[in-house]
Structures are given as structure tokens and as C-alpha cells.
Amino acid sequence: MRWIARFDEIRKGKTTDVYFERTQKVLKSLRKDPVVVAEFSAKTLPYGYEWGIFTGLNDVIELLQGLRINLYSLPEGSIFYKDEPVMMIEGRYSEFGILETAVLGLICQASGIATKAARCRIAAGGKLLLSFGARRMHPVLSPMIERNAYIGGCDGVSTILAAERLKIKPSGTIPHSLILITGSLPDALKAFDRKIEKGVKRIALIDTFGDEKFEAIAAAETLGRKLYGIRFDTPRSRRGDLLSIIKEVRWELDIRGYNWVKIFASGGIDEETIRELNPVCDGYGIGTVLSNARVIDFAMDIVEIGGRPVAKRGKRSGKKGIYYCKICGMSKVAPFGTIQRCYCKKRMNQLIRLYLKQGKKTFKHYPSEKKIKNFVASELAGRQGL
């Protein structure tokens, strides 16, 4: 694929905005190459969100490893707020300045996806969430999309490669194509049940040929106890009042004794839809709103040059840290390396950690995606007002 950048091209700065390359040339001609501190923060968050989930650090570490810089960051999966410095790079500008575009790209999109997944997780409570959005983006991005959806709160992912890397089984139902080619929903279900291993849950898609109610009943009659659930993927043009339709189908299944059959919804589902459908749905397939989630508009700003605090207009100068009180849940930004106390008089914890010291990792093992996912869940449970 010609229009995909290789890692070596990214590392050499070939994917950067050209003015960073020109800046390097000018500074070299002036023999200016000071040690600077550059921080990454977002002045605003999408849709007026009050918080986001920070991800993409794993790729930043891989990109910057071996350069003569220090990399400080929040742990991946951390909750952050606007104007908080989630990450800092310290080193000579010539070492990393040309990589600003790439570094921002690694954390902006990843954090946007994880943030949207976390919001869907909160809306769904303990109900099943699956990531179905990989088809909406270039296939080289699918593992990245699925990773961040999983970290943010999805229980499973649909694509094979992402599931392999996450060390989980891919999740899915049956597509319209199988029903169309076999000729009917019952024929598709029977063929699926004969061929596909027992460990895969039998979930019927019920909107291909007929009314959802009658297709749901037909699916239950065809598979009986083997039927785990049904999925609504009704096109918006035919949907009407989806909540009422699902309530009707639930009634018709229950009155016939099929009360074990679970109901799932997909197709244009977001956190607001989830809140509406949660009383009657057992789970959701989340697609475009994850893969096409609004990016977090992080920016990189120099805040220190040669040990001297300096920043552009509208930006606070100096190296900073994020301090958090576990007792009352308060957080604040303060000068890096200082001792801070909360309003409750307890000493606050510094959340920013050193991940690369002169280009070398300060850790032996990076947390697995499962551990980061659990960390996100603990962050969401532990922070007040989310």
C-alpha cells in the first residue's frame, strides 16, 4: 500500500508538518539547540466533555525510544481534564522537534476512541459492549481502533487480528450476507449451527427479510435453547421507535417461553441511545461512534528553555505535574516535583511518571491491555462525579 507510512519514515520525520523541518534547518544554521521541556495538553474536550481517557503512550514510547530525551507521562488509561499536561518531553529540541506531528497523532486519535468507549461503558453499566467500528476506517488502523475501544470499556472486538493481539476471542453474530445467500434466517441459523464450533454464541440478526418480531420468533423456534440472543441492526430509514419495537419483541419472546433469549442492538448506537435502550437491551455493538470518535485536540507547547520558564501567550510556563488526592478525589496542576496538599490537608500524589530516561525505558514490562483496561475501570469507579 503506497499511501501508508512505514515506521522508519515516521521516525525520520517524513510524516511531519514541513515547518518543523524548516525550523530544524534554521536553528542548526544559528547553532541554537537548547534543552527544552515540551508539554502536551488539551485546552478543550469534544462536545464539552469534562474529562477524557489518555491512551497512545505505548506507541509514543516506541517512537521516542533511543532518542536522547526524557519522557514523562500519565499512565496509559488515566483520566485527564482540560489544560492538564498529560505528557512531557525533555531534551534538546533537535532530538524530537521534528516528531511533534507524529506524537500528537499517536495520542489524539487513540485517546478520542478510548474516551468515547468509556462514556459508552458508563451508560451501559454492566451490560455487554462490543466494538464493531473497524470497517469505517482504513484497515491498517483496525488493531489500533480496537485496542483503544477495548481499553476504554468494550468487552470484546470484532476483528480477528486485534483480538489475537489482545489475547481474546473475536466477537460477532451473523451478517446479512449469510441470510441473503442461504435464502432465509432459519436456513442461515441451521447452517451456522452445523458448521461453527459450539463455543461461539448463536446470535441471530433479525432485520433482513421480515418484521423484527416475526424473525425473532422464527429464530427462537429454529434454534430453541441454542439461541443465545438476537440483534437489532435495523436501518434508520426503517427503524421508527426502536425502544418500542424492542419492547414488543421482548414481550412476544417472553410470552412464548423464550425468556432466556438476550437482546442486542447495533447501528448508530452511542451513549445517549444506550441510556434510552438499557432497560430492555442486554448489550450493544458500537461501531462508527468509536472508530470515528472525535479526536482529543492535544497540542505540544514548549514551557521551558535552558531551565528557564517560558511559554507562548495564553500558556502557563514551567514544568508541571498533576497532583491527585485519593481521599477526596481532587486534582490540580502545580510546579513539577513540588509537595502539594489537598484542601483536606492530605499530601497529594504526583501522577506524572518518568517512562524514558535519556531514551531508555525506566520499566521492565509495559502493562498489558487487560491491565490498562482494568485501570480505566478503576479510574472511572474512583473519580467523583463521572
Protein backbone atom coordinates (compact mmCIF):
# COMPACT_ATOMS: atom_id res chain seq x y z
CA MET A 1 0.00 0.00 0.00
CA ARG A 2 1.75 3.07 -1.28
CA TRP A 3 -0.03 5.63 0.89
CA ILE A 4 0.87 4.06 4.23
CA ALA A 5 3.90 5.43 6.07
CA ARG A 6 6.47 2.93 7.33
CA PHE A 7 7.79 3.17 10.90
CA ASP A 8 11.24 4.25 9.66
CA GLU A 9 9.65 7.05 7.62
CA ILE A 10 7.73 8.26 10.67
CA ARG A 11 10.84 8.09 12.83
CA LYS A 12 12.82 10.15 10.28
CA GLY A 13 10.16 12.86 10.39
CA LYS A 14 8.76 12.22 6.92
CA THR A 15 5.17 12.48 8.23
CA THR A 16 5.77 15.80 9.99
CA ASP A 17 4.47 19.21 9.00
CA VAL A 18 7.12 20.81 6.85
CA TYR A 19 7.57 23.89 9.05
CA PHE A 20 9.13 21.72 11.75
CA GLU A 21 11.74 20.52 9.25
CA ARG A 22 12.46 24.10 8.21
CA THR A 23 12.71 25.14 11.86
CA GLN A 24 15.38 22.50 12.43
CA LYS A 25 17.39 23.84 9.49
CA VAL A 26 17.17 27.43 10.72
CA LEU A 27 18.15 26.54 14.31
CA LYS A 28 21.07 24.48 13.04
CA SER A 29 22.31 27.43 11.00
CA LEU A 30 22.09 29.60 14.13
CA ARG A 31 23.80 26.93 16.22
CA LYS A 32 20.89 27.02 18.62
CA ASP A 33 19.89 23.71 20.14
CA PRO A 34 18.77 24.29 23.73
CA VAL A 35 17.33 21.75 26.15
CA VAL A 36 13.60 22.37 26.23
CA VAL A 37 10.59 20.99 28.03
CA ALA A 38 7.53 20.50 25.86
CA GLU A 39 4.19 19.50 27.33
CA PHE A 40 1.06 18.02 25.79
CA SER A 41 -2.37 19.19 26.88
CA ALA A 42 -5.85 19.91 25.52
CA LYS A 43 -7.45 23.31 26.03
CA THR A 44 -10.89 21.91 25.19
CA LEU A 45 -12.51 18.48 25.00
CA PRO A 46 -15.04 17.22 22.42
CA TYR A 47 -18.72 18.07 22.89
CA GLY A 48 -17.97 19.88 26.13
CA TYR A 49 -16.83 16.70 27.88
CA GLU A 50 -15.39 17.34 31.33
CA TRP A 51 -12.86 14.50 31.17
CA GLY A 52 -11.06 12.16 28.78
CA ILE A 53 -9.12 8.88 28.84
CA PHE A 54 -5.44 9.19 27.92
CA THR A 55 -4.11 6.45 25.61
CA GLY A 56 -1.47 6.02 22.91
CA LEU A 57 1.51 6.20 25.27
CA ASN A 58 2.70 2.75 24.18
CA ASP A 59 3.24 3.98 20.62
CA VAL A 60 4.90 7.20 21.79
CA ILE A 61 7.41 5.19 23.82
CA GLU A 62 8.19 3.02 20.78
CA LEU A 63 8.65 6.09 18.58
CA LEU A 64 10.89 8.02 21.00
CA GLN A 65 12.89 5.13 22.44
CA GLY A 66 16.61 5.57 21.77
CA LEU A 67 16.47 9.35 21.44
CA ARG A 68 18.37 11.42 23.99
CA ILE A 69 15.25 12.66 25.73
CA ASN A 70 13.30 12.13 28.94
CA LEU A 71 9.64 11.21 28.55
CA TYR A 72 7.22 11.92 31.40
CA SER A 73 3.58 10.93 31.22
CA LEU A 74 0.38 9.98 32.94
CA PRO A 75 -0.02 6.21 32.98
CA GLU A 76 -1.95 4.97 29.98
CA GLY A 77 -5.65 4.74 30.78
CA SER A 78 -5.63 7.71 33.15
CA ILE A 79 -8.50 10.16 33.38
CA PHE A 80 -7.44 13.69 32.49
CA TYR A 81 -9.09 17.11 32.34
CA LYS A 82 -8.61 20.07 30.01
CA ASP A 83 -5.42 22.09 30.47
CA GLU A 84 -3.71 19.22 32.31
CA PRO A 85 -0.26 18.27 30.95
CA VAL A 86 -0.73 14.58 30.20
CA MET A 87 2.79 14.14 28.83
CA MET A 88 6.14 15.97 28.70
CA ILE A 89 9.31 15.59 26.63
CA GLU A 90 12.58 17.00 27.93
CA GLY A 91 15.67 17.17 25.75
CA ARG A 92 17.42 19.13 23.03
CA TYR A 93 14.89 20.36 20.51
CA SER A 94 16.82 18.79 17.62
CA GLU A 95 16.22 15.34 19.14
CA PHE A 96 12.44 15.37 18.96
CA GLY A 97 11.04 18.60 17.48
CA ILE A 98 10.54 17.09 14.05
CA LEU A 99 8.36 14.34 15.57
CA GLU A 100 5.72 16.68 17.04
CA THR A 101 3.17 15.88 14.33
CA ALA A 102 3.60 12.13 14.74
CA VAL A 103 3.47 12.16 18.53
CA LEU A 104 0.28 14.20 18.51
CA GLY A 105 -1.29 11.84 16.01
CA LEU A 106 -0.49 8.86 18.23
CA ILE A 107 -2.29 10.23 21.29
CA CYS A 108 -5.07 12.40 19.79
CA GLN A 109 -6.95 9.66 17.96
CA ALA A 110 -6.27 6.88 20.45
CA SER A 111 -7.47 8.99 23.37
CA GLY A 112 -10.57 10.05 21.45
CA ILE A 113 -11.60 6.44 20.85
CA ALA A 114 -10.90 5.37 24.43
CA THR A 115 -12.83 8.36 25.78
CA LYS A 116 -15.91 7.55 23.69
CA ALA A 117 -15.72 3.87 24.71
CA ALA A 118 -15.51 4.85 28.38
CA ARG A 119 -18.58 7.06 28.06
CA CYS A 120 -20.48 4.19 26.43
CA ARG A 121 -19.32 1.91 29.23
CA ILE A 122 -20.69 4.26 31.89
CA ALA A 123 -24.00 4.50 30.04
CA ALA A 124 -24.29 0.71 29.64
CA GLY A 125 -23.41 -0.15 33.21
CA GLY A 126 -22.51 -3.83 33.37
CA LYS A 127 -24.10 -4.75 30.05
CA LEU A 128 -22.14 -6.16 27.12
CA LEU A 129 -20.29 -3.73 24.83
CA LEU A 130 -18.65 -4.89 21.60
CA SER A 131 -16.52 -2.82 19.23
CA PHE A 132 -17.89 -3.10 15.67
CA GLY A 133 -16.36 0.02 14.12
CA ALA A 134 -13.21 -1.15 12.34
CA ARG A 135 -14.87 -1.19 8.90
CA ARG A 136 -15.30 2.57 8.98
CA MET A 137 -11.55 3.28 8.85
CA HIS A 138 -8.51 2.19 6.85
CA PRO A 139 -7.74 -1.45 7.68
CA VAL A 140 -4.20 -0.71 8.87
CA LEU A 141 -5.82 1.22 11.72
CA SER A 142 -8.17 -1.54 12.85
CA PRO A 143 -5.92 -3.01 15.59
CA MET A 144 -5.33 0.49 17.00
CA ILE A 145 -9.05 1.30 16.94
CA GLU A 146 -10.00 -1.99 18.59
CA ARG A 147 -7.22 -1.73 21.21
CA ASN A 148 -8.40 1.66 22.41
CA ALA A 149 -12.06 0.69 22.29
CA TYR A 150 -11.21 -2.34 24.43
CA ILE A 151 -9.11 -0.31 26.87
CA GLY A 152 -11.86 2.31 27.17
CA GLY A 153 -14.51 -0.22 28.16
CA CYS A 154 -15.60 -2.56 25.37
CA ASP A 155 -15.80 -6.21 26.41
CA GLY A 156 -14.83 -7.54 23.00
CA VAL A 157 -13.80 -6.64 19.46
CA SER A 158 -14.90 -7.96 16.09
CA THR A 159 -11.72 -8.09 14.02
CA ILE A 160 -9.50 -11.16 14.01
CA LEU A 161 -6.06 -9.52 14.19
CA ALA A 162 -6.98 -7.14 17.01
CA ALA A 163 -8.47 -9.99 19.03
CA GLU A 164 -5.29 -12.04 18.54
CA ARG A 165 -3.14 -9.18 19.83
CA LEU A 166 -5.48 -8.56 22.73
CA LYS A 167 -5.39 -12.29 23.52
CA ILE A 168 -9.17 -12.58 23.44
CA LYS A 169 -11.63 -14.27 21.09
CA PRO A 170 -13.20 -12.09 18.38
CA SER A 171 -16.90 -11.40 18.83
CA GLY A 172 -19.70 -11.25 16.28
CA THR A 173 -23.09 -12.52 15.19
CA ILE A 174 -24.05 -13.44 11.62
CA PRO A 175 -24.04 -10.98 8.72
CA HIS A 176 -26.87 -10.11 6.39
CA SER A 177 -24.91 -11.73 3.55
CA LEU A 178 -25.25 -15.22 5.08
CA ILE A 179 -29.01 -14.80 5.45
CA LEU A 180 -29.37 -13.39 1.94
CA ILE A 181 -27.30 -16.12 0.28
CA THR A 182 -28.90 -19.03 2.17
CA GLY A 183 -32.32 -17.59 1.46
CA SER A 184 -33.85 -17.22 4.93
CA LEU A 185 -32.98 -16.61 8.56
CA PRO A 186 -33.87 -20.19 9.65
CA ASP A 187 -31.69 -21.68 6.89
CA ALA A 188 -28.79 -19.40 7.84
CA LEU A 189 -29.10 -20.28 11.53
CA LYS A 190 -29.22 -24.02 10.85
CA ALA A 191 -26.16 -23.85 8.61
CA PHE A 192 -24.29 -21.67 11.12
CA ASP A 193 -25.16 -24.04 13.95
CA ARG A 194 -23.95 -27.09 12.00
CA LYS A 195 -20.60 -25.60 10.97
CA ILE A 196 -19.44 -23.18 13.67
CA GLU A 197 -17.90 -24.50 16.90
CA LYS A 198 -20.11 -24.79 19.98
CA GLY A 199 -18.22 -22.14 21.95
CA VAL A 200 -19.46 -19.38 19.64
CA LYS A 201 -22.72 -17.92 20.88
CA ARG A 202 -25.64 -18.18 18.45
CA ILE A 203 -26.96 -14.64 17.95
CA ALA A 204 -29.48 -14.05 15.17
CA LEU A 205 -29.69 -10.88 13.09
CA ILE A 206 -33.43 -10.27 12.78
CA ASP A 207 -34.00 -7.48 10.27
CA THR A 208 -33.05 -8.92 6.87
CA PHE A 209 -36.30 -10.02 5.19
CA GLY A 210 -39.18 -9.51 7.59
CA ASP A 211 -40.60 -7.75 10.59
CA GLU A 212 -38.28 -7.95 13.60
CA LYS A 213 -40.94 -9.55 15.78
CA PHE A 214 -41.61 -12.43 13.42
CA GLU A 215 -37.94 -13.00 12.62
CA ALA A 216 -37.13 -13.08 16.35
CA ILE A 217 -39.82 -15.70 16.91
CA ALA A 218 -38.58 -17.70 13.90
CA ALA A 219 -35.01 -17.62 15.26
CA ALA A 220 -36.16 -18.89 18.67
CA GLU A 221 -38.26 -21.63 17.09
CA THR A 222 -35.36 -22.70 14.85
CA LEU A 223 -32.61 -22.99 17.47
CA GLY A 224 -34.53 -23.27 20.74
CA ARG A 225 -32.19 -23.32 23.71
CA LYS A 226 -29.17 -23.00 21.42
CA LEU A 227 -30.18 -19.43 20.61
CA TYR A 228 -28.24 -17.09 22.87
CA GLY A 229 -29.63 -13.83 21.57
CA ILE A 230 -30.98 -11.68 18.77
CA ARG A 231 -29.52 -8.50 17.31
CA PHE A 232 -31.35 -5.43 16.06
CA ASP A 233 -29.43 -3.70 13.29
CA THR A 234 -32.47 -2.05 11.74
CA PRO A 235 -31.62 0.72 9.24
CA ARG A 236 -32.51 4.20 10.43
CA SER A 237 -34.86 4.62 7.47
CA ARG A 238 -36.97 1.67 8.74
CA ARG A 239 -36.38 1.99 12.45
CA GLY A 240 -39.13 4.21 13.84
CA ASP A 241 -39.32 3.99 17.61
CA LEU A 242 -36.61 1.41 18.30
CA LEU A 243 -37.35 1.26 22.02
CA SER A 244 -40.99 0.37 21.37
CA ILE A 245 -40.01 -2.22 18.75
CA ILE A 246 -37.60 -3.91 21.16
CA LYS A 247 -40.21 -3.88 23.94
CA GLU A 248 -42.69 -5.54 21.58
CA VAL A 249 -40.20 -8.24 20.58
CA ARG A 250 -39.25 -8.87 24.20
CA TRP A 251 -42.95 -9.37 25.03
CA GLU A 252 -43.53 -11.76 22.15
CA LEU A 253 -40.49 -13.86 23.04
CA ASP A 254 -41.34 -14.00 26.75
CA ILE A 255 -44.99 -14.90 26.23
CA ARG A 256 -43.86 -17.89 24.16
CA GLY A 257 -41.42 -19.03 26.82
CA TYR A 258 -38.22 -17.74 25.19
CA ASN A 259 -37.31 -15.54 28.13
CA TRP A 260 -33.64 -16.62 28.07
CA VAL A 261 -33.04 -15.02 24.67
CA LYS A 262 -30.95 -11.87 25.07
CA ILE A 263 -31.47 -8.72 23.02
CA PHE A 264 -28.63 -6.74 21.46
CA ALA A 265 -28.70 -3.53 19.43
CA SER A 266 -26.28 -2.09 16.89
CA GLY A 267 -26.26 0.50 14.14
CA GLY A 268 -25.74 4.15 15.09
CA ILE A 269 -25.57 3.38 18.79
CA ASP A 270 -23.96 5.97 21.09
CA GLU A 271 -24.06 6.71 24.81
CA GLU A 272 -27.38 8.54 24.56
CA THR A 273 -29.01 5.64 22.68
CA ILE A 274 -27.61 3.22 25.25
CA ARG A 275 -29.22 5.14 28.11
CA GLU A 276 -32.55 5.02 26.29
CA LEU A 277 -32.38 1.30 25.45
CA ASN A 278 -30.71 -0.01 28.60
CA PRO A 279 -33.98 -1.04 30.31
CA VAL A 280 -34.69 -3.54 27.51
CA CYS A 281 -31.29 -4.36 25.95
CA ASP A 282 -28.66 -6.82 27.17
CA GLY A 283 -25.80 -5.47 25.11
CA TYR A 284 -24.64 -3.30 22.24
CA GLY A 285 -22.45 -3.33 19.15
CA ILE A 286 -20.78 0.08 18.94
CA GLY A 287 -19.43 1.00 15.53
CA THR A 288 -18.94 4.33 13.84
CA VAL A 289 -19.12 6.42 17.02
CA LEU A 290 -15.97 4.61 18.21
CA SER A 291 -13.89 4.41 15.04
CA ASN A 292 -14.94 7.93 14.05
CA ALA A 293 -14.79 9.33 17.58
CA ARG A 294 -13.82 12.99 17.87
CA VAL A 295 -10.10 13.22 18.47
CA ILE A 296 -8.74 14.86 21.60
CA ASP A 297 -7.25 18.14 20.42
CA PHE A 298 -3.91 17.85 22.20
CA ALA A 299 -1.20 20.40 21.41
CA MET A 300 2.52 20.41 22.15
CA ASP A 301 3.88 23.59 23.74
CA ILE A 302 7.36 24.50 24.87
CA VAL A 303 7.18 25.63 28.50
CA GLU A 304 10.87 25.73 29.46
CA ILE A 305 14.10 26.57 27.59
CA GLY A 306 17.51 26.02 29.15
CA GLY A 307 15.94 25.65 32.59
CA ARG A 308 14.11 28.96 32.29
CA PRO A 309 10.28 29.02 32.35
CA VAL A 310 8.96 30.40 29.07
CA ALA A 311 5.79 29.83 27.06
CA LYS A 312 3.74 31.39 24.31
CA ARG A 313 0.89 33.76 25.03
CA GLY A 314 -2.04 32.08 26.78
CA LYS A 315 0.10 29.19 28.08
CA ARG A 316 1.49 28.80 31.59
CA SER A 317 5.25 28.41 31.58
CA GLY A 318 7.32 25.93 33.53
CA LYS A 319 7.49 22.19 34.02
CA LYS A 320 4.31 20.95 35.67
CA GLY A 321 2.83 17.92 37.35
CA ILE A 322 -0.67 16.65 38.04
CA TYR A 323 -1.41 16.03 41.71
CA TYR A 324 -4.29 13.91 42.97
CA CYS A 325 -5.83 13.29 46.38
CA LYS A 326 -7.14 9.74 46.83
CA ILE A 327 -9.13 10.78 49.89
CA CYS A 328 -11.40 13.42 48.38
CA GLY A 329 -10.76 12.92 44.66
CA MET A 330 -9.41 16.40 43.97
CA SER A 331 -6.72 17.01 41.36
CA LYS A 332 -4.70 20.07 40.39
CA VAL A 333 -1.78 21.20 38.25
CA ALA A 334 1.25 22.55 40.09
CA PRO A 335 5.01 23.01 39.51
CA PHE A 336 6.68 19.68 38.87
CA GLY A 337 8.44 18.00 41.77
CA THR A 338 6.79 20.10 44.48
CA ILE A 339 4.90 18.84 47.51
CA GLN A 340 1.21 19.60 47.28
CA ARG A 341 -1.53 19.21 49.85
CA CYS A 342 -5.23 18.94 49.27
CA TYR A 343 -7.96 21.00 50.93
CA CYS A 344 -8.38 18.05 53.28
CA LYS A 345 -4.71 18.56 54.36
CA LYS A 346 -3.61 15.20 52.94
CA ARG A 347 -0.50 15.05 50.78
CA MET A 348 -1.39 14.69 47.12
CA ASN A 349 0.14 12.07 44.82
CA GLN A 350 2.13 13.10 41.75
CA LEU A 351 0.58 11.28 38.76
CA ILE A 352 3.20 12.10 36.12
CA ARG A 353 5.85 9.38 35.83
CA LEU A 354 9.18 9.01 34.02
CA TYR A 355 8.96 6.43 31.21
CA LEU A 356 12.12 7.14 29.19
CA LYS A 357 15.37 8.42 30.70
CA GLN A 358 17.77 9.52 28.00
CA GLY A 359 15.86 7.30 25.63
CA LYS A 360 15.97 4.19 27.80
CA LYS A 361 12.92 2.58 29.36
CA THR A 362 12.59 3.02 33.11
CA PHE A 363 10.34 -0.07 33.38
CA LYS A 364 10.80 -3.78 32.67
CA HIS A 365 7.32 -4.64 31.44
CA TYR A 366 4.66 -2.37 30.00
CA PRO A 367 1.16 -3.15 31.33
CA SER A 368 -0.95 -5.47 29.22
CA GLU A 369 -4.09 -4.15 27.56
CA LYS A 370 -6.13 -6.12 30.08
CA LYS A 371 -4.36 -4.38 32.96
CA ILE A 372 -4.82 -0.97 31.34
CA LYS A 373 -8.50 -1.76 30.78
CA ASN A 374 -8.89 -2.67 34.46
CA PHE A 375 -7.06 0.53 35.39
CA VAL A 376 -9.56 2.56 33.33
CA ALA A 377 -12.42 0.81 35.11
CA SER A 378 -10.89 1.63 38.50
CA GLU A 379 -10.36 5.24 37.43
CA LEU A 380 -13.99 5.58 36.37
CA ALA A 381 -15.19 3.99 39.61
CA GLY A 382 -12.88 6.03 41.83
CA ARG A 383 -13.31 9.52 40.41
CA GLN A 384 -16.16 11.57 41.84
CA GLY A 385 -18.91 12.91 39.61
CA LEU A 386 -18.23 10.87 36.47
